[in-house]
Amino acid sequence: EGRQVSLQMTYTRPYFYDIQAFAVLANSSVVSLAQLDQPQYSFCAGVGTIAFATARAYLKNAVAIPTKSSSEAVEMVRNGTCTAATSNKATLPLQDSTLRLLPTSRSIFRAPAAIFARNGDSQWSDLVKWVVDGLVIAEINDVTKANVMSYSGSTDEAVTMTPHLVVTNG
């Protein structure tokens, strides 16, 4: 029999903040949110999402078109139904050369991104926090597969101040 936990979640502190972004076709004449906020332009966003609500509050003149998802919003930009798609920046296809992001203000919307585990499962939650913290510390210190063993017995203050990054020879 496995560990019993409730269905509630326990969240860690935020590891980063995702901002709301607006994607338009790469060849679009729209270059700013101020320009997008005109009655002849529209934006698509997932219905019931914070991105939809904040875009609607911020863009008072543009036509708001609700979609089922951010991927549907992007497709509607591609097929010409919407001028722009909006969502969390992490959910927009940033490597797509047919789209570009409009410059935005951080004041529009910032969503905290945190790791979570089931509430009441403190062992798993602690493990998840330690692994993520260790990965962040390794990234900050440029630890790679090629140089990880050089940290064994390190006196580097950034590494020795935390028990998260432990390097052994076996």
C-alpha atoms as a PDB file:
ATOM      1  CA  GLU A   1       0.000   0.000   0.000  1.00  0.00           C
ATOM      2  CA  GLY A   2       1.437   3.399  -1.018  1.00  0.00           C
ATOM      3  CA  ARG A   3       1.529   6.613   0.938  1.00  0.00           C
ATOM      4  CA  GLN A   4      -1.882   8.193   1.331  1.00  0.00           C
ATOM      5  CA  VAL A   5      -2.167  11.881   0.494  1.00  0.00           C
ATOM      6  CA  SER A   6      -5.003  14.323  -0.037  1.00  0.00           C
ATOM      7  CA  LEU A   7      -5.666  15.873  -3.430  1.00  0.00           C
ATOM      8  CA  GLN A   8      -4.624  19.360  -2.277  1.00  0.00           C
ATOM      9  CA  MET A   9      -1.265  20.751  -3.404  1.00  0.00           C
ATOM     10  CA  THR A  10       1.642  22.282  -1.514  1.00  0.00           C
ATOM     11  CA  TYR A  11       3.587  24.880  -3.510  1.00  0.00           C
ATOM     12  CA  THR A  12       7.198  25.953  -3.159  1.00  0.00           C
ATOM     13  CA  ARG A  13       8.278  29.562  -3.432  1.00  0.00           C
ATOM     14  CA  PRO A  14       8.137  30.878  -7.015  1.00  0.00           C
ATOM     15  CA  TYR A  15      11.240  30.042  -9.068  1.00  0.00           C
ATOM     16  CA  PHE A  16      10.482  32.575 -11.793  1.00  0.00           C
ATOM     17  CA  TYR A  17       7.682  34.787 -13.031  1.00  0.00           C
ATOM     18  CA  ASP A  18       6.151  34.283 -16.443  1.00  0.00           C
ATOM     19  CA  ILE A  19       4.864  37.451 -18.105  1.00  0.00           C
ATOM     20  CA  GLN A  20       1.927  37.911 -20.412  1.00  0.00           C
ATOM     21  CA  ALA A  21       2.999  38.201 -24.039  1.00  0.00           C
ATOM     22  CA  PHE A  22       1.307  39.119 -27.302  1.00  0.00           C
ATOM     23  CA  ALA A  23       2.274  37.362 -30.552  1.00  0.00           C
ATOM     24  CA  VAL A  24       1.518  38.771 -33.993  1.00  0.00           C
ATOM     25  CA  LEU A  25       2.492  37.598 -37.463  1.00  0.00           C
ATOM     26  CA  ALA A  26       6.113  38.451 -38.218  1.00  0.00           C
ATOM     27  CA  ASN A  27       5.033  40.625 -41.149  1.00  0.00           C
ATOM     28  CA  SER A  28       2.247  42.407 -39.220  1.00  0.00           C
ATOM     29  CA  SER A  29       2.180  46.214 -39.315  1.00  0.00           C
ATOM     30  CA  VAL A  30       1.242  46.212 -35.599  1.00  0.00           C
ATOM     31  CA  VAL A  31       4.376  47.020 -33.577  1.00  0.00           C
ATOM     32  CA  SER A  32       3.028  47.990 -30.148  1.00  0.00           C
ATOM     33  CA  LEU A  33       0.190  47.348 -27.718  1.00  0.00           C
ATOM     34  CA  ALA A  34      -0.931  50.950 -28.172  1.00  0.00           C
ATOM     35  CA  GLN A  35      -1.328  50.285 -31.885  1.00  0.00           C
ATOM     36  CA  LEU A  36      -3.104  46.959 -31.216  1.00  0.00           C
ATOM     37  CA  ASP A  37      -5.620  48.805 -29.025  1.00  0.00           C
ATOM     38  CA  GLN A  38      -7.680  49.975 -32.014  1.00  0.00           C
ATOM     39  CA  PRO A  39     -11.167  48.781 -33.075  1.00  0.00           C
ATOM     40  CA  GLN A  40      -9.857  47.379 -36.378  1.00  0.00           C
ATOM     41  CA  TYR A  41      -7.549  44.957 -34.516  1.00  0.00           C
ATOM     42  CA  SER A  42      -8.329  41.931 -32.382  1.00  0.00           C
ATOM     43  CA  PHE A  43      -6.686  39.620 -29.890  1.00  0.00           C
ATOM     44  CA  CYS A  44      -7.397  35.983 -29.131  1.00  0.00           C
ATOM     45  CA  ALA A  45      -6.916  34.344 -25.744  1.00  0.00           C
ATOM     46  CA  GLY A  46      -8.182  31.385 -23.785  1.00  0.00           C
ATOM     47  CA  VAL A  47     -11.640  32.091 -22.412  1.00  0.00           C
ATOM     48  CA  GLY A  48     -11.719  32.315 -18.625  1.00  0.00           C
ATOM     49  CA  THR A  49      -7.950  32.788 -18.347  1.00  0.00           C
ATOM     50  CA  ILE A  50      -6.163  35.601 -16.554  1.00  0.00           C
ATOM     51  CA  ALA A  51      -4.504  36.462 -19.884  1.00  0.00           C
ATOM     52  CA  PHE A  52      -7.925  37.049 -21.472  1.00  0.00           C
ATOM     53  CA  ALA A  53      -9.166  39.166 -18.547  1.00  0.00           C
ATOM     54  CA  THR A  54      -6.043  41.328 -18.299  1.00  0.00           C
ATOM     55  CA  ALA A  55      -5.810  41.823 -22.080  1.00  0.00           C
ATOM     56  CA  ARG A  56      -9.462  42.829 -22.183  1.00  0.00           C
ATOM     57  CA  ALA A  57      -8.911  45.332 -19.346  1.00  0.00           C
ATOM     58  CA  TYR A  58      -5.722  46.705 -20.913  1.00  0.00           C
ATOM     59  CA  LEU A  59      -6.889  46.767 -24.544  1.00  0.00           C
ATOM     60  CA  LYS A  60     -10.194  48.601 -24.268  1.00  0.00           C
ATOM     61  CA  ASN A  61     -10.711  49.215 -28.007  1.00  0.00           C
ATOM     62  CA  ALA A  62      -9.432  46.007 -29.647  1.00  0.00           C
ATOM     63  CA  VAL A  63     -11.913  43.225 -30.329  1.00  0.00           C
ATOM     64  CA  ALA A  64     -11.579  40.359 -27.829  1.00  0.00           C
ATOM     65  CA  ILE A  65     -12.055  36.859 -29.288  1.00  0.00           C
ATOM     66  CA  PRO A  66     -12.198  33.983 -26.775  1.00  0.00           C
ATOM     67  CA  THR A  67     -10.572  30.652 -27.658  1.00  0.00           C
ATOM     68  CA  LYS A  68     -10.340  27.229 -26.029  1.00  0.00           C
ATOM     69  CA  SER A  69      -6.538  27.404 -25.601  1.00  0.00           C
ATOM     70  CA  SER A  70      -3.423  29.448 -26.335  1.00  0.00           C
ATOM     71  CA  SER A  71      -2.558  27.086 -29.200  1.00  0.00           C
ATOM     72  CA  GLU A  72      -5.960  27.773 -30.778  1.00  0.00           C
ATOM     73  CA  ALA A  73      -5.332  31.521 -30.325  1.00  0.00           C
ATOM     74  CA  VAL A  74      -2.013  31.202 -32.181  1.00  0.00           C
ATOM     75  CA  GLU A  75      -3.685  29.266 -35.001  1.00  0.00           C
ATOM     76  CA  MET A  76      -6.303  32.010 -35.277  1.00  0.00           C
ATOM     77  CA  VAL A  77      -3.506  34.573 -35.707  1.00  0.00           C
ATOM     78  CA  ARG A  78      -1.969  32.412 -38.432  1.00  0.00           C
ATOM     79  CA  ASN A  79      -5.266  32.083 -40.322  1.00  0.00           C
ATOM     80  CA  GLY A  80      -6.045  35.807 -40.010  1.00  0.00           C
ATOM     81  CA  THR A  81      -8.975  35.590 -37.586  1.00  0.00           C
ATOM     82  CA  CYS A  82      -7.074  37.553 -34.905  1.00  0.00           C
ATOM     83  CA  THR A  83      -4.380  40.191 -35.083  1.00  0.00           C
ATOM     84  CA  ALA A  84      -2.653  38.936 -31.919  1.00  0.00           C
ATOM     85  CA  ALA A  85      -2.665  35.959 -29.570  1.00  0.00           C
ATOM     86  CA  THR A  86      -1.999  36.499 -25.887  1.00  0.00           C
ATOM     87  CA  SER A  87      -1.060  34.095 -23.135  1.00  0.00           C
ATOM     88  CA  ASN A  88       1.768  33.438 -20.700  1.00  0.00           C
ATOM     89  CA  LYS A  89       5.012  33.898 -22.615  1.00  0.00           C
ATOM     90  CA  ALA A  90       6.032  30.299 -21.819  1.00  0.00           C
ATOM     91  CA  THR A  91       3.031  28.913 -23.730  1.00  0.00           C
ATOM     92  CA  LEU A  92       3.584  30.883 -26.947  1.00  0.00           C
ATOM     93  CA  PRO A  93       5.688  29.310 -29.736  1.00  0.00           C
ATOM     94  CA  LEU A  94       8.751  31.577 -29.436  1.00  0.00           C
ATOM     95  CA  GLN A  95      10.848  29.656 -31.978  1.00  0.00           C
ATOM     96  CA  ASP A  96       8.238  30.094 -34.702  1.00  0.00           C
ATOM     97  CA  SER A  97       9.686  32.431 -37.340  1.00  0.00           C
ATOM     98  CA  THR A  98       6.206  33.297 -38.620  1.00  0.00           C
ATOM     99  CA  LEU A  99       5.418  35.082 -35.335  1.00  0.00           C
ATOM    100  CA  ARG A 100       6.994  37.836 -33.269  1.00  0.00           C
ATOM    101  CA  LEU A 101       6.255  39.210 -29.816  1.00  0.00           C
ATOM    102  CA  LEU A 102       5.098  42.752 -29.204  1.00  0.00           C
ATOM    103  CA  PRO A 103       7.013  44.672 -26.550  1.00  0.00           C
ATOM    104  CA  THR A 104       5.022  44.675 -23.304  1.00  0.00           C
ATOM    105  CA  SER A 105       5.162  46.261 -19.913  1.00  0.00           C
ATOM    106  CA  ARG A 106       5.761  43.990 -16.931  1.00  0.00           C
ATOM    107  CA  SER A 107       2.784  45.714 -15.322  1.00  0.00           C
ATOM    108  CA  ILE A 108       0.277  43.906 -17.547  1.00  0.00           C
ATOM    109  CA  PHE A 109       0.539  40.514 -15.878  1.00  0.00           C
ATOM    110  CA  ARG A 110       3.135  38.368 -14.113  1.00  0.00           C
ATOM    111  CA  ALA A 111       2.385  34.785 -13.109  1.00  0.00           C
ATOM    112  CA  PRO A 112       4.511  33.061 -10.477  1.00  0.00           C
ATOM    113  CA  ALA A 113       5.785  29.628 -11.501  1.00  0.00           C
ATOM    114  CA  ALA A 114       6.413  27.229  -8.652  1.00  0.00           C
ATOM    115  CA  ILE A 115       6.931  23.518  -8.142  1.00  0.00           C
ATOM    116  CA  PHE A 116       4.185  21.660  -6.324  1.00  0.00           C
ATOM    117  CA  ALA A 117       3.584  18.324  -4.683  1.00  0.00           C
ATOM    118  CA  ARG A 118       0.526  16.771  -3.138  1.00  0.00           C
ATOM    119  CA  ASN A 119      -0.393  18.284   0.200  1.00  0.00           C
ATOM    120  CA  GLY A 120       0.553  16.135   3.157  1.00  0.00           C
ATOM    121  CA  ASP A 121       3.404  14.369   1.361  1.00  0.00           C
ATOM    122  CA  SER A 122       6.240  16.261   3.008  1.00  0.00           C
ATOM    123  CA  GLN A 123       8.904  13.700   2.053  1.00  0.00           C
ATOM    124  CA  TRP A 124       8.151  14.047  -1.645  1.00  0.00           C
ATOM    125  CA  SER A 125       7.745  17.827  -1.385  1.00  0.00           C
ATOM    126  CA  ASP A 126      11.157  18.133   0.326  1.00  0.00           C
ATOM    127  CA  LEU A 127      12.789  15.943  -2.338  1.00  0.00           C
ATOM    128  CA  VAL A 128      11.270  18.032  -5.145  1.00  0.00           C
ATOM    129  CA  LYS A 129      12.458  21.287  -3.503  1.00  0.00           C
ATOM    130  CA  TRP A 130      15.996  19.943  -3.009  1.00  0.00           C
ATOM    131  CA  VAL A 131      16.289  18.694  -6.583  1.00  0.00           C
ATOM    132  CA  VAL A 132      15.039  21.975  -8.074  1.00  0.00           C
ATOM    133  CA  ASP A 133      17.247  24.045  -5.743  1.00  0.00           C
ATOM    134  CA  GLY A 134      20.226  21.863  -6.681  1.00  0.00           C
ATOM    135  CA  LEU A 135      19.538  22.340 -10.392  1.00  0.00           C
ATOM    136  CA  VAL A 136      19.273  26.106  -9.959  1.00  0.00           C
ATOM    137  CA  ILE A 137      22.517  26.237  -7.956  1.00  0.00           C
ATOM    138  CA  ALA A 138      24.281  24.075 -10.554  1.00  0.00           C
ATOM    139  CA  GLU A 139      23.030  26.355 -13.347  1.00  0.00           C
ATOM    140  CA  ILE A 140      24.161  29.510 -11.544  1.00  0.00           C
ATOM    141  CA  ASN A 141      27.623  28.004 -10.997  1.00  0.00           C
ATOM    142  CA  ASP A 142      27.926  26.658 -14.570  1.00  0.00           C
ATOM    143  CA  VAL A 143      28.197  23.068 -13.366  1.00  0.00           C
ATOM    144  CA  THR A 144      28.224  20.702 -16.345  1.00  0.00           C
ATOM    145  CA  LYS A 145      28.837  17.010 -16.929  1.00  0.00           C
ATOM    146  CA  ALA A 146      32.358  17.931 -18.012  1.00  0.00           C
ATOM    147  CA  ASN A 147      33.279  19.891 -14.862  1.00  0.00           C
ATOM    148  CA  VAL A 148      31.120  18.448 -12.082  1.00  0.00           C
ATOM    149  CA  MET A 149      33.959  16.423 -10.554  1.00  0.00           C
ATOM    150  CA  SER A 150      36.007  19.601 -10.082  1.00  0.00           C
ATOM    151  CA  TYR A 151      33.503  20.579  -7.384  1.00  0.00           C
ATOM    152  CA  SER A 152      34.325  17.512  -5.273  1.00  0.00           C
ATOM    153  CA  GLY A 153      35.869  18.860  -2.070  1.00  0.00           C
ATOM    154  CA  SER A 154      35.292  22.401  -3.341  1.00  0.00           C
ATOM    155  CA  THR A 155      35.921  25.415  -1.148  1.00  0.00           C
ATOM    156  CA  ASP A 156      33.881  27.599  -3.521  1.00  0.00           C
ATOM    157  CA  GLU A 157      31.650  29.640  -1.191  1.00  0.00           C
ATOM    158  CA  ALA A 158      28.642  29.449  -3.548  1.00  0.00           C
ATOM    159  CA  VAL A 159      28.808  25.659  -3.455  1.00  0.00           C
ATOM    160  CA  THR A 160      29.785  25.106   0.167  1.00  0.00           C
ATOM    161  CA  MET A 161      27.078  27.423   1.519  1.00  0.00           C
ATOM    162  CA  THR A 162      24.412  24.968   0.435  1.00  0.00           C
ATOM    163  CA  PRO A 163      23.991  21.256   1.042  1.00  0.00           C
ATOM    164  CA  HIS A 164      22.111  20.890  -2.260  1.00  0.00           C
ATOM    165  CA  LEU A 165      25.112  20.310  -4.467  1.00  0.00           C
ATOM    166  CA  VAL A 166      27.061  17.330  -3.227  1.00  0.00           C
ATOM    167  CA  VAL A 167      29.681  15.751  -5.472  1.00  0.00           C
ATOM    168  CA  THR A 168      31.257  12.422  -4.670  1.00  0.00           C
ATOM    169  CA  ASN A 169      33.622  10.129  -6.552  1.00  0.00           C
ATOM    170  CA  GLY A 170      31.380   7.135  -6.329  1.00  0.00           C
END
